[in-house]
Amino acid sequence: MSITTLEEGRYVDINECWVEMSGYTREEIIGYTSLEHNIWGSPEVRAEFVRRLQEQGAICNLETRFRTKGGGIRVLLSGIFLISNKPPR
């Protein structure tokens, strides 16, 4: 549903399902971070998520809480994978 940078959580791309689920438009999200929109709820929650992702390389079937534009909380079953645009060595 979305592609973000690992370091900052900056949105690079989102799909229409993400737009419908979140209530945000593409223009409100692309180029901004998840913390700027308080999507994770706190920097600590995101930091723990990133730590796990860096250790494991992927996280499957993770229950996450996502704050929508209207302030509501959506509970999602998420799958997250590290991807890279760096050429292989």
C-alpha atoms as a PDB file:
ATOM      1  CA  MET A   1       0.000   0.000   0.000  1.00  0.00           C
ATOM      2  CA  SER A   2       2.921   2.374   0.585  1.00  0.00           C
ATOM      3  CA  ILE A   3       6.639   2.787   0.013  1.00  0.00           C
ATOM      4  CA  THR A   4       8.592   4.805   2.562  1.00  0.00           C
ATOM      5  CA  THR A   5      12.205   5.485   3.400  1.00  0.00           C
ATOM      6  CA  LEU A   6      13.447   3.452   6.328  1.00  0.00           C
ATOM      7  CA  GLU A   7      15.418   6.204   8.048  1.00  0.00           C
ATOM      8  CA  GLU A   8      12.736   8.879   8.142  1.00  0.00           C
ATOM      9  CA  GLY A   9       9.543   7.105   7.208  1.00  0.00           C
ATOM     10  CA  ARG A  10       9.136   9.578   4.325  1.00  0.00           C
ATOM     11  CA  TYR A  11       6.425   8.485   1.886  1.00  0.00           C
ATOM     12  CA  VAL A  12       7.692   7.851  -1.632  1.00  0.00           C
ATOM     13  CA  ASP A  13       4.487   6.324  -3.037  1.00  0.00           C
ATOM     14  CA  ILE A  14       1.039   5.185  -1.909  1.00  0.00           C
ATOM     15  CA  ASN A  15      -1.694   3.350  -3.750  1.00  0.00           C
ATOM     16  CA  GLU A  16      -5.443   4.006  -3.968  1.00  0.00           C
ATOM     17  CA  CYS A  17      -6.241   1.502  -1.203  1.00  0.00           C
ATOM     18  CA  TRP A  18      -3.978   3.477   1.142  1.00  0.00           C
ATOM     19  CA  VAL A  19      -5.743   6.718   0.163  1.00  0.00           C
ATOM     20  CA  GLU A  20      -9.186   5.194   0.812  1.00  0.00           C
ATOM     21  CA  MET A  21      -8.136   3.612   4.123  1.00  0.00           C
ATOM     22  CA  SER A  22      -6.342   6.684   5.482  1.00  0.00           C
ATOM     23  CA  GLY A  23      -8.495   9.585   4.336  1.00  0.00           C
ATOM     24  CA  TYR A  24      -5.407  11.456   3.082  1.00  0.00           C
ATOM     25  CA  THR A  25      -4.808  12.501  -0.519  1.00  0.00           C
ATOM     26  CA  ARG A  26      -1.578  11.663  -2.337  1.00  0.00           C
ATOM     27  CA  GLU A  27      -0.619  15.351  -2.229  1.00  0.00           C
ATOM     28  CA  GLU A  28      -0.973  15.414   1.567  1.00  0.00           C
ATOM     29  CA  ILE A  29       1.303  12.385   2.026  1.00  0.00           C
ATOM     30  CA  ILE A  30       3.969  12.017  -0.680  1.00  0.00           C
ATOM     31  CA  GLY A  31       7.170  13.677   0.544  1.00  0.00           C
ATOM     32  CA  TYR A  32       6.019  13.824   4.172  1.00  0.00           C
ATOM     33  CA  THR A  33       6.880  11.455   7.016  1.00  0.00           C
ATOM     34  CA  SER A  34       4.604   9.186   8.999  1.00  0.00           C
ATOM     35  CA  LEU A  35       5.654  11.074  12.149  1.00  0.00           C
ATOM     36  CA  GLU A  36       4.664  14.439  10.630  1.00  0.00           C
ATOM     37  CA  HIS A  37       1.131  13.061  10.275  1.00  0.00           C
ATOM     38  CA  ASN A  38       1.229  11.159  13.608  1.00  0.00           C
ATOM     39  CA  ILE A  39       0.320   7.936  11.820  1.00  0.00           C
ATOM     40  CA  TRP A  40       2.246   5.714  14.270  1.00  0.00           C
ATOM     41  CA  GLY A  41       1.061   7.570  17.360  1.00  0.00           C
ATOM     42  CA  SER A  42       4.562   8.073  18.753  1.00  0.00           C
ATOM     43  CA  PRO A  43       8.181   8.096  17.590  1.00  0.00           C
ATOM     44  CA  GLU A  44       8.914   5.211  19.981  1.00  0.00           C
ATOM     45  CA  VAL A  45       6.416   2.893  18.289  1.00  0.00           C
ATOM     46  CA  ARG A  46       7.963   3.589  14.891  1.00  0.00           C
ATOM     47  CA  ALA A  47      11.513   3.218  16.258  1.00  0.00           C
ATOM     48  CA  GLU A  48      10.718  -0.245  17.645  1.00  0.00           C
ATOM     49  CA  PHE A  49       9.150  -1.246  14.332  1.00  0.00           C
ATOM     50  CA  VAL A  50      12.244  -0.065  12.394  1.00  0.00           C
ATOM     51  CA  ARG A  51      14.566  -1.898  14.800  1.00  0.00           C
ATOM     52  CA  ARG A  52      12.682  -5.163  14.219  1.00  0.00           C
ATOM     53  CA  LEU A  53      12.637  -4.635  10.469  1.00  0.00           C
ATOM     54  CA  GLN A  54      16.395  -4.002  10.367  1.00  0.00           C
ATOM     55  CA  GLU A  55      17.053  -7.168  12.388  1.00  0.00           C
ATOM     56  CA  GLN A  56      14.703  -9.421  10.443  1.00  0.00           C
ATOM     57  CA  GLY A  57      14.600  -7.889   6.933  1.00  0.00           C
ATOM     58  CA  ALA A  58      10.848  -8.510   6.777  1.00  0.00           C
ATOM     59  CA  ILE A  59       7.908  -8.625   9.148  1.00  0.00           C
ATOM     60  CA  CYS A  60       4.842 -10.659   8.201  1.00  0.00           C
ATOM     61  CA  ASN A  61       1.385 -10.701   9.775  1.00  0.00           C
ATOM     62  CA  LEU A  62       2.103  -7.861  12.193  1.00  0.00           C
ATOM     63  CA  GLU A  63      -0.883  -6.193  13.826  1.00  0.00           C
ATOM     64  CA  THR A  64      -0.369  -2.433  13.603  1.00  0.00           C
ATOM     65  CA  ARG A  65      -2.396   0.568  14.681  1.00  0.00           C
ATOM     66  CA  PHE A  66      -2.720   3.300  12.075  1.00  0.00           C
ATOM     67  CA  ARG A  67      -4.076   6.800  12.748  1.00  0.00           C
ATOM     68  CA  THR A  68      -6.285   8.130   9.938  1.00  0.00           C
ATOM     69  CA  LYS A  69      -6.570  11.746   8.823  1.00  0.00           C
ATOM     70  CA  GLY A  70      -9.733  12.103  10.901  1.00  0.00           C
ATOM     71  CA  GLY A  71      -7.917  10.878  14.025  1.00  0.00           C
ATOM     72  CA  GLY A  72      -9.497   7.428  14.122  1.00  0.00           C
ATOM     73  CA  ILE A  73      -7.446   4.295  14.662  1.00  0.00           C
ATOM     74  CA  ARG A  74      -7.451   1.459  12.127  1.00  0.00           C
ATOM     75  CA  VAL A  75      -6.046  -1.915  13.116  1.00  0.00           C
ATOM     76  CA  LEU A  76      -4.173  -3.465  10.198  1.00  0.00           C
ATOM     77  CA  LEU A  77      -2.525  -6.785   9.520  1.00  0.00           C
ATOM     78  CA  SER A  78       0.706  -5.667   7.891  1.00  0.00           C
ATOM     79  CA  GLY A  79       3.512  -7.204   5.897  1.00  0.00           C
ATOM     80  CA  ILE A  80       6.644  -5.098   5.612  1.00  0.00           C
ATOM     81  CA  PHE A  81       9.723  -5.797   3.510  1.00  0.00           C
ATOM     82  CA  LEU A  82      13.015  -3.986   3.022  1.00  0.00           C
ATOM     83  CA  ILE A  83      13.693  -3.031  -0.578  1.00  0.00           C
ATOM     84  CA  SER A  84      16.663  -1.138  -1.964  1.00  0.00           C
ATOM     85  CA  ASN A  85      17.293   0.940  -5.036  1.00  0.00           C
ATOM     86  CA  LYS A  86      21.042   0.423  -4.677  1.00  0.00           C
ATOM     87  CA  PRO A  87      22.665  -1.748  -7.350  1.00  0.00           C
ATOM     88  CA  PRO A  88      23.953  -5.116  -6.116  1.00  0.00           C
ATOM     89  CA  ARG A  89      27.671  -5.410  -5.440  1.00  0.00           C
END
